[in-house]
Amino acid sequence: MYLLSSAQVKAGESVLVHGASGGVGLATCQIARAYGLKVLGTAGTEEGQKVVLQNGAHEVFNHGEVNYIDKIQKSVGEKGIDVIIEMLANVNLRNDLNLLSRGGRVIVVGSRGPIEIIPRATMVKESRIIGVSLYSSTKEEFQQYAAALQAGMQVGWLSPVIGSQYPLEKVVQAHEDIIHSSGAKGKMILLL
């Protein structure tokens, strides 16, 4: 729901979802497509790329390839990308700022460390970097997000993709697997 609340997207805009094969990324692709956006995604495996295309992306790029940024740039042309949903800002933010359109927005959903950027990259395009956290949502915002997601599932434009499943006693293994994974596919589930 960050697309609507933080990024304030409009139909016809473009969105790039980095790490689109994970649970949040796939939901973002589905929501973006339902709202009339041009959806681009990245994934690190062939299987991940397929699931991203099956869940709303118009195009998908392998973020494991050395020249994938060039391929994205070629796809979007000089205009750039209106919104980037960033799951790993410490790796991608510098490139994100170069991919943005004038007035573009990067929504930082995840990061695993520091990154150095050149602030002029935001100035030239009058772009914004917006950090988000579900934990920071008010009770009212959380209820609005939940209602919108539930409606999307009822109508059929949102369909959660279940990835790895672990019994609760394997929670440590699940945590290790997600940290060291080369690519996600859907939302990880812990079973009671």
N, C-alpha and C. Protein backbone atom coordinates (compact mmCIF):
# COMPACT_ATOMS: atom_id res chain seq x y z
N MET A 1 0.81 -1.19 0.00
CA MET A 1 0.00 0.00 0.00
C MET A 1 0.86 1.26 0.00
N TYR A 2 2.18 1.09 0.09
CA TYR A 2 3.09 2.23 0.04
C TYR A 2 2.98 2.95 -1.31
N LEU A 3 2.58 2.21 -2.34
CA LEU A 3 2.40 2.83 -3.64
C LEU A 3 1.39 3.96 -3.57
N LEU A 4 0.34 3.74 -2.81
CA LEU A 4 -0.73 4.72 -2.74
C LEU A 4 -0.46 5.79 -1.70
N SER A 5 -0.05 5.38 -0.51
CA SER A 5 0.11 6.34 0.57
C SER A 5 1.39 7.15 0.48
N SER A 6 2.52 6.53 0.32
CA SER A 6 3.81 7.24 0.32
C SER A 6 4.22 7.72 -1.06
N ALA A 7 4.08 6.87 -2.07
CA ALA A 7 4.52 7.23 -3.42
C ALA A 7 3.49 8.05 -4.17
N GLN A 8 2.24 7.97 -3.75
CA GLN A 8 1.14 8.72 -4.39
C GLN A 8 1.14 8.53 -5.91
N VAL A 9 1.12 7.28 -6.32
CA VAL A 9 1.16 6.95 -7.74
C VAL A 9 -0.13 7.36 -8.46
N LYS A 10 0.02 7.51 -9.76
CA LYS A 10 -1.12 7.80 -10.64
C LYS A 10 -1.10 6.79 -11.78
N ALA A 11 -2.27 6.39 -12.23
CA ALA A 11 -2.36 5.46 -13.36
C ALA A 11 -1.53 5.99 -14.51
N GLY A 12 -0.84 5.10 -15.19
CA GLY A 12 0.01 5.47 -16.31
C GLY A 12 1.46 5.69 -15.94
N GLU A 13 1.76 5.84 -14.64
CA GLU A 13 3.15 5.99 -14.22
C GLU A 13 3.84 4.63 -14.26
N SER A 14 5.17 4.68 -14.16
CA SER A 14 5.95 3.45 -14.14
C SER A 14 6.48 3.20 -12.74
N VAL A 15 6.61 1.91 -12.41
CA VAL A 15 7.16 1.52 -11.11
C VAL A 15 8.15 0.39 -11.34
N LEU A 16 9.30 0.48 -10.66
CA LEU A 16 10.29 -0.59 -10.65
C LEU A 16 10.29 -1.18 -9.25
N VAL A 17 10.09 -2.48 -9.16
CA VAL A 17 10.10 -3.17 -7.88
C VAL A 17 11.38 -4.00 -7.82
N HIS A 18 12.34 -3.54 -7.01
CA HIS A 18 13.57 -4.31 -6.81
C HIS A 18 13.25 -5.47 -5.86
N GLY A 19 13.75 -6.66 -6.15
CA GLY A 19 13.46 -7.82 -5.31
C GLY A 19 11.99 -8.19 -5.42
N ALA A 20 11.47 -8.16 -6.62
CA ALA A 20 10.04 -8.34 -6.85
C ALA A 20 9.55 -9.77 -6.62
N SER A 21 10.44 -10.73 -6.49
CA SER A 21 9.99 -12.12 -6.34
C SER A 21 9.67 -12.51 -4.90
N GLY A 22 9.96 -11.64 -3.95
CA GLY A 22 9.60 -11.89 -2.56
C GLY A 22 8.14 -11.57 -2.31
N GLY A 23 7.66 -11.86 -1.12
CA GLY A 23 6.25 -11.65 -0.78
C GLY A 23 5.79 -10.21 -0.94
N VAL A 24 6.55 -9.25 -0.43
CA VAL A 24 6.20 -7.84 -0.54
C VAL A 24 6.29 -7.40 -1.99
N GLY A 25 7.34 -7.83 -2.68
CA GLY A 25 7.52 -7.45 -4.07
C GLY A 25 6.40 -7.96 -4.97
N LEU A 26 5.99 -9.21 -4.78
CA LEU A 26 4.92 -9.77 -5.60
C LEU A 26 3.60 -9.05 -5.35
N ALA A 27 3.30 -8.78 -4.09
CA ALA A 27 2.08 -8.03 -3.77
C ALA A 27 2.13 -6.64 -4.40
N THR A 28 3.30 -6.01 -4.36
CA THR A 28 3.46 -4.69 -4.95
C THR A 28 3.22 -4.74 -6.46
N CYS A 29 3.75 -5.76 -7.12
CA CYS A 29 3.51 -5.91 -8.56
C CYS A 29 2.02 -6.06 -8.86
N GLN A 30 1.34 -6.88 -8.09
CA GLN A 30 -0.09 -7.10 -8.30
C GLN A 30 -0.88 -5.81 -8.09
N ILE A 31 -0.58 -5.10 -7.03
CA ILE A 31 -1.28 -3.84 -6.73
C ILE A 31 -1.00 -2.81 -7.80
N ALA A 32 0.27 -2.69 -8.20
CA ALA A 32 0.66 -1.71 -9.22
C ALA A 32 -0.07 -1.98 -10.54
N ARG A 33 -0.14 -3.23 -10.92
CA ARG A 33 -0.81 -3.59 -12.18
C ARG A 33 -2.30 -3.26 -12.09
N ALA A 34 -2.90 -3.55 -10.94
CA ALA A 34 -4.32 -3.26 -10.76
C ALA A 34 -4.61 -1.77 -10.80
N TYR A 35 -3.65 -0.95 -10.44
CA TYR A 35 -3.82 0.50 -10.44
C TYR A 35 -3.37 1.16 -11.74
N GLY A 36 -3.07 0.36 -12.75
CA GLY A 36 -2.78 0.91 -14.06
C GLY A 36 -1.37 1.43 -14.26
N LEU A 37 -0.42 0.90 -13.51
CA LEU A 37 0.96 1.32 -13.66
C LEU A 37 1.70 0.40 -14.63
N LYS A 38 2.76 0.93 -15.25
CA LYS A 38 3.67 0.07 -16.01
C LYS A 38 4.61 -0.53 -14.98
N VAL A 39 4.63 -1.85 -14.87
CA VAL A 39 5.34 -2.54 -13.80
C VAL A 39 6.59 -3.22 -14.32
N LEU A 40 7.73 -2.84 -13.74
CA LEU A 40 9.01 -3.48 -14.00
C LEU A 40 9.46 -4.13 -12.69
N GLY A 41 10.10 -5.27 -12.78
CA GLY A 41 10.58 -5.93 -11.57
C GLY A 41 11.97 -6.49 -11.76
N THR A 42 12.63 -6.78 -10.63
CA THR A 42 13.90 -7.48 -10.69
C THR A 42 13.81 -8.73 -9.82
N ALA A 43 14.54 -9.74 -10.23
CA ALA A 43 14.65 -10.98 -9.46
C ALA A 43 16.01 -11.60 -9.80
N GLY A 44 16.51 -12.44 -8.91
CA GLY A 44 17.85 -12.99 -9.09
C GLY A 44 17.92 -14.37 -9.68
N THR A 45 16.77 -15.00 -9.89
CA THR A 45 16.77 -16.35 -10.46
C THR A 45 15.78 -16.42 -11.61
N GLU A 46 15.96 -17.41 -12.46
CA GLU A 46 15.02 -17.60 -13.57
C GLU A 46 13.62 -17.90 -13.04
N GLU A 47 13.54 -18.74 -12.01
CA GLU A 47 12.24 -19.06 -11.41
C GLU A 47 11.59 -17.80 -10.83
N GLY A 48 12.39 -16.98 -10.15
CA GLY A 48 11.88 -15.73 -9.60
C GLY A 48 11.38 -14.80 -10.68
N GLN A 49 12.10 -14.72 -11.78
CA GLN A 49 11.67 -13.87 -12.89
C GLN A 49 10.33 -14.32 -13.45
N LYS A 50 10.15 -15.62 -13.57
CA LYS A 50 8.88 -16.15 -14.08
C LYS A 50 7.72 -15.79 -13.16
N VAL A 51 7.92 -15.95 -11.85
CA VAL A 51 6.83 -15.67 -10.91
C VAL A 51 6.51 -14.17 -10.89
N VAL A 52 7.50 -13.33 -11.10
CA VAL A 52 7.27 -11.88 -11.16
C VAL A 52 6.40 -11.54 -12.38
N LEU A 53 6.71 -12.13 -13.53
CA LEU A 53 5.89 -11.90 -14.72
C LEU A 53 4.47 -12.43 -14.54
N GLN A 54 4.34 -13.55 -13.85
CA GLN A 54 3.02 -14.14 -13.61
C GLN A 54 2.18 -13.32 -12.63
N ASN A 55 2.82 -12.40 -11.93
CA ASN A 55 2.12 -11.63 -10.90
C ASN A 55 2.08 -10.14 -11.19
N GLY A 56 2.04 -9.79 -12.47
CA GLY A 56 1.73 -8.41 -12.82
C GLY A 56 2.80 -7.61 -13.51
N ALA A 57 4.05 -8.04 -13.49
CA ALA A 57 5.10 -7.24 -14.13
C ALA A 57 4.98 -7.32 -15.65
N HIS A 58 5.22 -6.20 -16.30
CA HIS A 58 5.28 -6.15 -17.75
C HIS A 58 6.64 -6.63 -18.24
N GLU A 59 7.68 -6.30 -17.45
CA GLU A 59 9.05 -6.71 -17.78
C GLU A 59 9.76 -7.08 -16.48
N VAL A 60 10.73 -7.98 -16.59
CA VAL A 60 11.53 -8.35 -15.43
C VAL A 60 12.99 -8.43 -15.85
N PHE A 61 13.86 -8.06 -14.92
CA PHE A 61 15.30 -8.03 -15.17
C PHE A 61 16.01 -8.84 -14.09
N ASN A 62 17.09 -9.49 -14.47
CA ASN A 62 17.87 -10.29 -13.53
C ASN A 62 18.88 -9.38 -12.83
N HIS A 63 18.64 -9.09 -11.54
CA HIS A 63 19.55 -8.18 -10.83
C HIS A 63 20.90 -8.83 -10.51
N GLY A 64 21.09 -10.06 -10.93
CA GLY A 64 22.39 -10.71 -10.79
C GLY A 64 23.31 -10.46 -11.99
N GLU A 65 22.74 -9.95 -13.07
CA GLU A 65 23.53 -9.65 -14.26
C GLU A 65 24.26 -8.32 -14.08
N VAL A 66 25.47 -8.27 -14.55
CA VAL A 66 26.30 -7.07 -14.40
C VAL A 66 25.66 -5.85 -15.06
N ASN A 67 25.04 -6.02 -16.22
CA ASN A 67 24.52 -4.88 -16.98
C ASN A 67 23.01 -4.70 -16.88
N TYR A 68 22.39 -5.23 -15.83
CA TYR A 68 20.92 -5.15 -15.76
C TYR A 68 20.41 -3.71 -15.65
N ILE A 69 21.18 -2.82 -15.04
CA ILE A 69 20.77 -1.41 -14.94
C ILE A 69 20.70 -0.79 -16.34
N ASP A 70 21.66 -1.12 -17.18
CA ASP A 70 21.64 -0.63 -18.56
C ASP A 70 20.39 -1.12 -19.29
N LYS A 71 20.01 -2.36 -19.05
CA LYS A 71 18.81 -2.92 -19.69
C LYS A 71 17.55 -2.19 -19.22
N ILE A 72 17.49 -1.88 -17.93
CA ILE A 72 16.34 -1.13 -17.41
C ILE A 72 16.31 0.26 -18.04
N GLN A 73 17.46 0.92 -18.06
CA GLN A 73 17.57 2.26 -18.64
C GLN A 73 17.10 2.26 -20.10
N LYS A 74 17.53 1.26 -20.85
CA LYS A 74 17.13 1.16 -22.26
C LYS A 74 15.62 0.96 -22.37
N SER A 75 15.04 0.17 -21.48
CA SER A 75 13.61 -0.10 -21.51
C SER A 75 12.78 1.15 -21.24
N VAL A 76 13.19 1.96 -20.28
CA VAL A 76 12.38 3.13 -19.89
C VAL A 76 12.74 4.39 -20.66
N GLY A 77 13.90 4.40 -21.30
CA GLY A 77 14.31 5.55 -22.08
C GLY A 77 14.66 6.76 -21.24
N GLU A 78 14.68 7.92 -21.88
CA GLU A 78 15.11 9.14 -21.22
C GLU A 78 14.18 9.58 -20.10
N LYS A 79 12.91 9.26 -20.20
CA LYS A 79 11.95 9.69 -19.17
C LYS A 79 12.31 9.16 -17.79
N GLY A 80 12.75 7.93 -17.73
CA GLY A 80 13.08 7.33 -16.44
C GLY A 80 11.87 6.68 -15.79
N ILE A 81 12.05 6.28 -14.53
CA ILE A 81 11.03 5.57 -13.77
C ILE A 81 10.42 6.52 -12.75
N ASP A 82 9.10 6.49 -12.63
CA ASP A 82 8.42 7.39 -11.71
C ASP A 82 8.58 6.98 -10.25
N VAL A 83 8.49 5.68 -9.98
CA VAL A 83 8.56 5.19 -8.60
C VAL A 83 9.40 3.93 -8.56
N ILE A 84 10.29 3.85 -7.58
CA ILE A 84 11.07 2.64 -7.36
C ILE A 84 10.79 2.15 -5.94
N ILE A 85 10.36 0.90 -5.84
CA ILE A 85 10.15 0.27 -4.54
C ILE A 85 11.43 -0.51 -4.25
N GLU A 86 12.14 -0.08 -3.23
CA GLU A 86 13.49 -0.57 -2.96
C GLU A 86 13.55 -1.48 -1.74
N MET A 87 13.90 -2.74 -1.97
CA MET A 87 14.00 -3.73 -0.89
C MET A 87 15.41 -3.82 -0.32
N LEU A 88 16.41 -3.31 -1.03
CA LEU A 88 17.81 -3.43 -0.59
C LEU A 88 18.56 -2.13 -0.93
N ALA A 89 18.20 -1.08 -0.23
CA ALA A 89 18.71 0.26 -0.54
C ALA A 89 20.23 0.35 -0.45
N ASN A 90 20.84 -0.38 0.46
CA ASN A 90 22.29 -0.29 0.61
C ASN A 90 23.03 -0.78 -0.64
N VAL A 91 22.37 -1.55 -1.48
CA VAL A 91 22.97 -2.04 -2.71
C VAL A 91 22.53 -1.21 -3.92
N ASN A 92 21.27 -0.78 -3.94
CA ASN A 92 20.68 -0.23 -5.17
C ASN A 92 20.43 1.27 -5.20
N LEU A 93 20.44 1.95 -4.07
CA LEU A 93 19.96 3.33 -4.04
C LEU A 93 20.70 4.26 -4.99
N ARG A 94 22.00 4.13 -5.08
CA ARG A 94 22.77 5.00 -5.98
C ARG A 94 22.27 4.85 -7.42
N ASN A 95 22.08 3.62 -7.88
CA ASN A 95 21.56 3.40 -9.24
C ASN A 95 20.11 3.86 -9.36
N ASP A 96 19.32 3.67 -8.31
CA ASP A 96 17.92 4.10 -8.33
C ASP A 96 17.81 5.58 -8.66
N LEU A 97 18.64 6.38 -8.02
CA LEU A 97 18.57 7.83 -8.23
C LEU A 97 18.85 8.21 -9.68
N ASN A 98 19.69 7.44 -10.34
CA ASN A 98 19.98 7.70 -11.76
C ASN A 98 18.86 7.22 -12.68
N LEU A 99 18.09 6.23 -12.23
CA LEU A 99 17.00 5.69 -13.05
C LEU A 99 15.72 6.51 -12.97
N LEU A 100 15.59 7.34 -11.96
CA LEU A 100 14.35 8.08 -11.72
C LEU A 100 14.03 9.11 -12.80
N SER A 101 12.75 9.34 -12.96
CA SER A 101 12.27 10.43 -13.80
C SER A 101 12.32 11.73 -12.99
N ARG A 102 12.06 12.84 -13.63
CA ARG A 102 11.96 14.10 -12.91
C ARG A 102 10.78 14.01 -11.94
N GLY A 103 11.03 14.33 -10.68
CA GLY A 103 9.99 14.21 -9.65
C GLY A 103 9.77 12.79 -9.17
N GLY A 104 10.66 11.87 -9.55
CA GLY A 104 10.52 10.47 -9.18
C GLY A 104 10.71 10.24 -7.70
N ARG A 105 10.21 9.09 -7.24
CA ARG A 105 10.26 8.75 -5.82
C ARG A 105 10.85 7.36 -5.62
N VAL A 106 11.76 7.25 -4.66
CA VAL A 106 12.25 5.94 -4.23
C VAL A 106 11.63 5.67 -2.87
N ILE A 107 10.93 4.55 -2.76
CA ILE A 107 10.32 4.15 -1.50
C ILE A 107 11.21 3.05 -0.92
N VAL A 108 11.89 3.37 0.19
CA VAL A 108 12.81 2.42 0.81
C VAL A 108 12.04 1.54 1.79
N VAL A 109 11.90 0.26 1.41
CA VAL A 109 11.22 -0.74 2.22
C VAL A 109 12.23 -1.53 3.03
N GLY A 110 13.44 -1.71 2.48
CA GLY A 110 14.45 -2.50 3.16
C GLY A 110 15.86 -2.04 2.85
N SER A 111 16.76 -2.30 3.80
CA SER A 111 18.18 -2.00 3.65
C SER A 111 18.92 -2.84 4.67
N ARG A 112 20.11 -3.28 4.29
CA ARG A 112 20.91 -4.09 5.21
C ARG A 112 22.25 -3.46 5.53
N GLY A 113 22.35 -2.15 5.39
CA GLY A 113 23.61 -1.49 5.70
C GLY A 113 23.66 -0.09 5.13
N PRO A 114 24.80 0.56 5.27
CA PRO A 114 24.95 1.94 4.78
C PRO A 114 25.23 2.00 3.28
N ILE A 115 25.03 3.18 2.73
CA ILE A 115 25.39 3.45 1.33
C ILE A 115 25.75 4.93 1.23
N GLU A 116 26.68 5.23 0.35
CA GLU A 116 27.04 6.61 0.10
C GLU A 116 26.39 7.04 -1.21
N ILE A 117 25.70 8.18 -1.18
CA ILE A 117 25.08 8.71 -2.39
C ILE A 117 25.56 10.14 -2.61
N ILE A 118 25.34 10.63 -3.81
CA ILE A 118 25.65 12.02 -4.13
C ILE A 118 24.31 12.76 -4.14
N PRO A 119 24.07 13.63 -3.16
CA PRO A 119 22.78 14.32 -3.06
C PRO A 119 22.37 15.08 -4.32
N ARG A 120 23.33 15.51 -5.12
CA ARG A 120 23.00 16.22 -6.35
C ARG A 120 22.09 15.38 -7.26
N ALA A 121 22.20 14.06 -7.16
CA ALA A 121 21.35 13.18 -7.97
C ALA A 121 19.88 13.40 -7.65
N THR A 122 19.55 13.78 -6.42
CA THR A 122 18.17 14.08 -6.07
C THR A 122 17.79 15.50 -6.49
N MET A 123 18.75 16.39 -6.46
CA MET A 123 18.50 17.79 -6.78
C MET A 123 18.18 17.99 -8.26
N VAL A 124 18.95 17.37 -9.12
CA VAL A 124 18.82 17.56 -10.57
C VAL A 124 17.41 17.17 -11.04
N LYS A 125 16.88 16.09 -10.49
CA LYS A 125 15.56 15.60 -10.92
C LYS A 125 14.45 15.96 -9.94
N GLU A 126 14.81 16.70 -8.87
CA GLU A 126 13.85 17.02 -7.82
C GLU A 126 13.12 15.76 -7.36
N SER A 127 13.91 14.73 -7.10
CA SER A 127 13.36 13.45 -6.67
C SER A 127 13.32 13.36 -5.15
N ARG A 128 12.65 12.31 -4.67
CA ARG A 128 12.50 12.11 -3.23
C ARG A 128 12.86 10.68 -2.86
N ILE A 129 13.45 10.55 -1.68
CA ILE A 129 13.72 9.24 -1.08
C ILE A 129 12.83 9.18 0.16
N ILE A 130 11.95 8.19 0.21
CA ILE A 130 10.97 8.09 1.30
C ILE A 130 11.14 6.74 1.98
N GLY A 131 11.47 6.77 3.25
CA GLY A 131 11.57 5.53 4.02
C GLY A 131 10.21 5.18 4.59
N VAL A 132 9.88 3.89 4.58
CA VAL A 132 8.60 3.44 5.11
C VAL A 132 8.80 2.25 6.04
N SER A 133 7.89 2.11 6.96
CA SER A 133 7.89 0.97 7.88
C SER A 133 6.47 0.73 8.34
N LEU A 134 6.01 -0.49 8.15
CA LEU A 134 4.66 -0.84 8.58
C LEU A 134 4.50 -0.59 10.08
N TYR A 135 5.59 -0.78 10.82
CA TYR A 135 5.53 -0.60 12.27
C TYR A 135 5.26 0.84 12.67
N SER A 136 5.53 1.78 11.78
CA SER A 136 5.31 3.19 12.07
C SER A 136 3.89 3.65 11.74
N SER A 137 3.10 2.77 11.14
CA SER A 137 1.73 3.13 10.76
C SER A 137 0.86 3.33 11.99
N THR A 138 -0.04 4.28 11.87
CA THR A 138 -1.02 4.47 12.93
C THR A 138 -2.04 3.33 12.87
N LYS A 139 -2.81 3.19 13.89
CA LYS A 139 -3.85 2.16 13.91
C LYS A 139 -4.82 2.36 12.75
N GLU A 140 -5.17 3.61 12.49
CA GLU A 140 -6.10 3.93 11.40
C GLU A 140 -5.49 3.58 10.04
N GLU A 141 -4.22 3.91 9.85
CA GLU A 141 -3.55 3.58 8.59
C GLU A 141 -3.48 2.07 8.40
N PHE A 142 -3.13 1.37 9.45
CA PHE A 142 -3.04 -0.09 9.39
C PHE A 142 -4.39 -0.69 9.00
N GLN A 143 -5.47 -0.16 9.58
CA GLN A 143 -6.81 -0.65 9.26
C GLN A 143 -7.17 -0.35 7.80
N GLN A 144 -6.78 0.83 7.31
CA GLN A 144 -7.03 1.17 5.91
C GLN A 144 -6.28 0.24 4.97
N TYR A 145 -5.02 -0.03 5.27
CA TYR A 145 -4.22 -0.94 4.44
C TYR A 145 -4.84 -2.33 4.43
N ALA A 146 -5.20 -2.81 5.61
CA ALA A 146 -5.78 -4.15 5.72
C ALA A 146 -7.09 -4.25 4.94
N ALA A 147 -7.93 -3.22 5.03
CA ALA A 147 -9.20 -3.22 4.31
C ALA A 147 -8.98 -3.24 2.81
N ALA A 148 -8.01 -2.44 2.33
CA ALA A 148 -7.72 -2.40 0.90
C ALA A 148 -7.18 -3.74 0.41
N LEU A 149 -6.28 -4.35 1.18
CA LEU A 149 -5.72 -5.64 0.79
C LEU A 149 -6.79 -6.73 0.80
N GLN A 150 -7.64 -6.71 1.81
CA GLN A 150 -8.70 -7.70 1.88
C GLN A 150 -9.66 -7.55 0.70
N ALA A 151 -9.99 -6.32 0.35
CA ALA A 151 -10.86 -6.08 -0.81
C ALA A 151 -10.20 -6.59 -2.08
N GLY A 152 -8.89 -6.35 -2.23
CA GLY A 152 -8.17 -6.83 -3.40
C GLY A 152 -8.20 -8.34 -3.51
N MET A 153 -8.10 -9.02 -2.37
CA MET A 153 -8.16 -10.49 -2.40
C MET A 153 -9.56 -10.97 -2.73
N GLN A 154 -10.58 -10.28 -2.20
CA GLN A 154 -11.96 -10.68 -2.48
C GLN A 154 -12.32 -10.50 -3.95
N VAL A 155 -11.87 -9.40 -4.53
CA VAL A 155 -12.17 -9.11 -5.93
C VAL A 155 -11.29 -9.94 -6.86
N GLY A 156 -10.08 -10.28 -6.42
CA GLY A 156 -9.22 -11.15 -7.20
C GLY A 156 -8.00 -10.50 -7.82
N TRP A 157 -7.76 -9.21 -7.60
CA TRP A 157 -6.56 -8.61 -8.18
C TRP A 157 -5.35 -8.74 -7.26
N LEU A 158 -5.55 -9.29 -6.08
CA LEU A 158 -4.44 -9.54 -5.17
C LEU A 158 -4.53 -10.99 -4.71
N SER A 159 -3.46 -11.73 -4.94
CA SER A 159 -3.42 -13.14 -4.59
C SER A 159 -2.06 -13.46 -3.98
N PRO A 160 -2.00 -13.61 -2.65
CA PRO A 160 -0.71 -13.88 -2.01
C PRO A 160 -0.03 -15.13 -2.57
N VAL A 161 1.27 -15.04 -2.74
CA VAL A 161 2.07 -16.16 -3.25
C VAL A 161 2.84 -16.73 -2.06
N ILE A 162 2.60 -18.00 -1.77
CA ILE A 162 3.26 -18.66 -0.65
C ILE A 162 4.58 -19.26 -1.15
N GLY A 163 5.65 -18.94 -0.45
CA GLY A 163 6.96 -19.47 -0.78
C GLY A 163 7.33 -20.62 0.13
N SER A 164 8.49 -20.53 0.75
CA SER A 164 8.97 -21.58 1.65
C SER A 164 8.09 -21.68 2.88
N GLN A 165 7.94 -22.91 3.37
CA GLN A 165 7.16 -23.15 4.58
C GLN A 165 8.03 -23.92 5.57
N TYR A 166 8.03 -23.46 6.82
CA TYR A 166 8.84 -24.08 7.86
C TYR A 166 7.98 -24.34 9.09
N PRO A 167 8.18 -25.49 9.76
CA PRO A 167 7.52 -25.68 11.05
C PRO A 167 8.14 -24.69 12.05
N LEU A 168 7.37 -24.27 13.03
CA LEU A 168 7.81 -23.25 13.98
C LEU A 168 9.13 -23.61 14.64
N GLU A 169 9.36 -24.88 14.90
CA GLU A 169 10.62 -25.28 15.55
C GLU A 169 11.84 -25.08 14.64
N LYS A 170 11.63 -24.78 13.36
CA LYS A 170 12.73 -24.52 12.42
C LYS A 170 12.87 -23.02 12.12
N VAL A 171 12.41 -22.18 13.03
CA VAL A 171 12.43 -20.73 12.81
C VAL A 171 13.86 -20.22 12.62
N VAL A 172 14.82 -20.79 13.33
CA VAL A 172 16.21 -20.36 13.17
C VAL A 172 16.70 -20.67 11.76
N GLN A 173 16.37 -21.86 11.27
CA GLN A 173 16.75 -22.24 9.91
C GLN A 173 16.08 -21.32 8.89
N ALA A 174 14.80 -21.00 9.11
CA ALA A 174 14.08 -20.10 8.21
C ALA A 174 14.77 -18.74 8.15
N HIS A 175 15.17 -18.24 9.31
CA HIS A 175 15.85 -16.95 9.39
C HIS A 175 17.19 -17.00 8.64
N GLU A 176 17.95 -18.04 8.85
CA GLU A 176 19.22 -18.20 8.15
C GLU A 176 19.01 -18.29 6.63
N ASP A 177 18.00 -19.05 6.22
CA ASP A 177 17.74 -19.21 4.80
C ASP A 177 17.36 -17.90 4.13
N ILE A 178 16.59 -17.08 4.81
CA ILE A 178 16.18 -15.81 4.21
C ILE A 178 17.35 -14.84 4.12
N ILE A 179 18.25 -14.88 5.08
CA ILE A 179 19.43 -14.01 5.07
C ILE A 179 20.39 -14.40 3.96
N HIS A 180 20.58 -15.69 3.77
CA HIS A 180 21.58 -16.18 2.82
C HIS A 180 20.98 -16.63 1.49
N SER A 181 19.72 -16.35 1.27
CA SER A 181 19.03 -16.75 0.05
C SER A 181 19.55 -15.99 -1.15
N SER A 182 19.62 -16.65 -2.28
CA SER A 182 20.02 -15.98 -3.52
C SER A 182 18.80 -15.42 -4.24
N GLY A 183 17.63 -15.72 -3.75
CA GLY A 183 16.41 -15.20 -4.37
C GLY A 183 15.19 -15.75 -3.68
N ALA A 184 14.21 -14.91 -3.49
CA ALA A 184 12.97 -15.32 -2.83
C ALA A 184 11.93 -15.65 -3.88
N LYS A 185 10.93 -16.40 -3.45
CA LYS A 185 9.77 -16.66 -4.30
C LYS A 185 8.56 -16.70 -3.38
N GLY A 186 7.89 -15.60 -3.25
CA GLY A 186 6.71 -15.53 -2.40
C GLY A 186 7.06 -15.24 -0.95
N LYS A 187 6.04 -15.39 -0.12
CA LYS A 187 6.16 -15.08 1.30
C LYS A 187 6.49 -16.34 2.08
N MET A 188 7.51 -16.23 2.93
CA MET A 188 7.88 -17.36 3.80
C MET A 188 6.82 -17.51 4.88
N ILE A 189 6.45 -18.75 5.18
CA ILE A 189 5.41 -19.04 6.16
C ILE A 189 5.97 -19.94 7.26
N LEU A 190 5.68 -19.59 8.51
CA LEU A 190 5.98 -20.46 9.65
C LEU A 190 4.69 -21.18 10.05
N LEU A 191 4.76 -22.50 10.17
CA LEU A 191 3.59 -23.31 10.48
C LEU A 191 3.59 -23.69 11.96
N LEU A 192 2.46 -23.55 12.58
CA LEU A 192 2.33 -23.95 13.99
C LEU A 192 2.08 -25.42 14.13
